[in-house]
Amino acid sequence: EISSANFRAREKQIIDEIIGPGNYDKRIRPAGANDTGEREGRSSIVHINIMIRNVQTISDVKMEYSIQITFREQWKDHRLTFDNIGGKYYYSH
């Protein structure tokens, strides 16, 4: 069994391999649909989900309302793909 310290060290190494300095630049947008870049006119597809969690106050006099929402965005960035070498690296945490 792998010790917790060894597990954390390997986990850090994998993350550094994916998003460490020189590997991933968050300032560059991901490739668009079908891995085409923005220059080819294809933007990334972004899925959005908004859930209203709570309507706290409604004021018809002030014409204001207060709500709590959860806002989610999802898109694919193939630069962050992790190759687990056919299941060799399995994390259950």
Protein backbone atom coordinates (compact mmCIF):
# COMPACT_ATOMS: atom_id res chain seq x y z
CA GLU A 1 0.00 0.00 0.00
CA ILE A 2 1.26 3.48 -0.85
CA SER A 3 1.84 5.74 2.13
CA SER A 4 0.00 9.04 2.35
CA ALA A 5 3.25 11.02 1.96
CA ASN A 6 4.22 9.07 -1.19
CA PHE A 7 0.72 9.48 -2.58
CA ARG A 8 0.79 13.26 -2.05
CA ALA A 9 4.26 13.54 -3.59
CA ARG A 10 3.18 11.61 -6.71
CA GLU A 11 -0.03 13.63 -6.90
CA LYS A 12 1.99 16.87 -6.83
CA GLN A 13 4.33 15.53 -9.51
CA ILE A 14 1.40 14.69 -11.82
CA ILE A 15 -0.20 18.11 -11.32
CA ASP A 16 3.14 19.82 -12.00
CA GLU A 17 3.50 17.79 -15.21
CA ILE A 18 0.11 19.03 -16.40
CA ILE A 19 -0.03 22.66 -15.23
CA GLY A 20 3.49 23.37 -14.01
CA PRO A 21 5.64 26.23 -15.30
CA GLY A 22 6.39 25.82 -18.99
CA ASN A 23 3.61 23.27 -19.51
CA TYR A 24 0.36 25.22 -19.34
CA ASP A 25 -0.33 28.90 -19.90
CA LYS A 26 -3.73 29.91 -18.49
CA ARG A 27 -3.64 33.14 -20.52
CA ILE A 28 -4.02 31.20 -23.78
CA ARG A 29 -7.56 30.15 -24.66
CA PRO A 30 -8.21 26.45 -25.30
CA ALA A 31 -8.57 25.23 -28.86
CA GLY A 32 -12.09 25.52 -30.23
CA ALA A 33 -14.45 22.89 -31.54
CA ASN A 34 -12.65 20.03 -33.31
CA ASP A 35 -9.36 21.35 -31.86
CA THR A 36 -9.35 24.35 -34.16
CA GLY A 37 -8.00 27.59 -32.84
CA GLU A 38 -9.79 30.90 -32.61
CA ARG A 39 -7.98 32.09 -35.74
CA GLU A 40 -9.93 29.54 -37.78
CA GLY A 41 -13.17 31.09 -36.51
CA ARG A 42 -14.12 28.22 -34.18
CA SER A 43 -14.64 29.18 -30.57
CA SER A 44 -14.66 26.81 -27.61
CA ILE A 45 -18.05 25.43 -26.68
CA VAL A 46 -18.94 26.51 -23.13
CA HIS A 47 -21.85 24.91 -21.29
CA ILE A 48 -23.47 27.10 -18.62
CA ASN A 49 -25.76 26.10 -15.76
CA ILE A 50 -27.43 28.55 -13.36
CA MET A 51 -29.41 27.32 -10.39
CA ILE A 52 -31.40 29.68 -8.18
CA ARG A 53 -30.71 28.45 -4.65
CA ASN A 54 -32.70 30.96 -2.61
CA VAL A 55 -34.81 34.07 -3.13
CA GLN A 56 -33.98 36.07 -0.02
CA THR A 57 -35.79 39.36 -0.36
CA ILE A 58 -38.10 41.05 -2.82
CA SER A 59 -38.91 44.75 -2.54
CA ASP A 60 -41.59 46.00 -4.90
CA VAL A 61 -41.15 49.52 -3.49
CA LYS A 62 -37.42 49.70 -4.24
CA MET A 63 -37.76 47.34 -7.22
CA GLU A 64 -34.90 45.20 -5.88
CA TYR A 65 -34.44 41.54 -5.10
CA SER A 66 -31.72 39.44 -3.54
CA ILE A 67 -31.02 35.85 -4.56
CA GLN A 68 -28.38 33.17 -4.08
CA ILE A 69 -27.33 31.35 -7.23
CA THR A 70 -24.89 28.68 -8.30
CA PHE A 71 -23.23 29.49 -11.63
CA ARG A 72 -21.32 26.73 -13.42
CA GLU A 73 -19.26 26.80 -16.60
CA GLN A 74 -17.81 23.77 -18.35
CA TRP A 75 -15.54 23.43 -21.37
CA LYS A 76 -12.85 21.07 -22.61
CA ASP A 77 -9.23 22.09 -22.61
CA HIS A 78 -7.23 19.22 -24.08
CA ARG A 79 -4.02 20.73 -22.72
CA LEU A 80 -5.15 19.48 -19.28
CA THR A 81 -5.64 15.86 -20.38
CA PHE A 82 -4.18 13.35 -17.93
CA ASP A 83 -2.89 10.06 -19.27
CA ASN A 84 -3.26 7.51 -16.48
CA ILE A 85 -1.30 4.95 -18.52
CA GLY A 86 -4.13 2.48 -18.94
CA GLY A 87 -5.32 2.70 -15.35
CA LYS A 88 -1.87 2.46 -13.79
CA TYR A 89 -2.54 5.62 -11.77
CA TYR A 90 -5.77 5.35 -9.86
CA TYR A 91 -6.83 7.89 -7.26
CA SER A 92 -9.78 7.19 -5.01
CA HIS A 93 -9.63 10.46 -3.07
